[in-house]
């Protein structure tokens, strides 16, 4: 367990691939973190909620050299850059950069959306990913393979009413991912986005108590897609927005 990441001794594990997950202790982040650890990655993850980080530390049975947790607000560009620099120094070049931070707020059309709600959706869903990719990209592996994965949304394509700020932020995130993919074309790095609808989490059930959540995809089901996109085998996929709607 990662009780004291500052004491990490990398020498026995220097040949293992490195994954960085921003938002690594939330529902989707935790499911992705678990999968990558099982595949033999060394993982560095950010969190904001201490209780989530403590749960990961207590429940994740891996060598302490393979898991590094840091409390980082990825909407803060300087804090994000400092985190990426620290991870690169301690773990080496990144093979996976997964930006999994996000949040939903509905109930407002565009004309009814105040600045606070708009800024919050942009910060959580777009700015955090922009900061993550901008700060993390220089530290990705230049000699082997590297994968960038983001979490956009079905709403980026279908733009349902009543959640204008969220739609805009996720559409921007999809455009960001495609832009990065185009800029990296011809390199060993790919960038792709997954497009969930609603993910079956306690938070979403509470936010939409009358929804048919039995048909929502589970975090681990979506993490399986992230896991594939984070693998060497996904090299032929670049600049994609991949639906992970389940039956919702």
Foldseek 3Di string as FASTA:
>chain_A
DQPDQVPADCVVPLPAAEAEEEQLQDFLNVLLVLVVVVVGYQYEYEDADVVSVVVCVVPPPDDNNRYHYDHFQLLDLVRLLVVLVVCCVSRNAHQEQEYEFADFDFQDFPVRDDPVLLVVRLSRQPSSLVSSCVNRVVRHDQPAAHEYEYEAAPCCVVVDGGGNSNNVNSVNNLVVQLVVLVVQPPGRYAGEYEHEYDEPDPVVCVVPVPDPSVQAHYSNVVSVVVVVSSDSVVSVDHSYYHYPYRRD
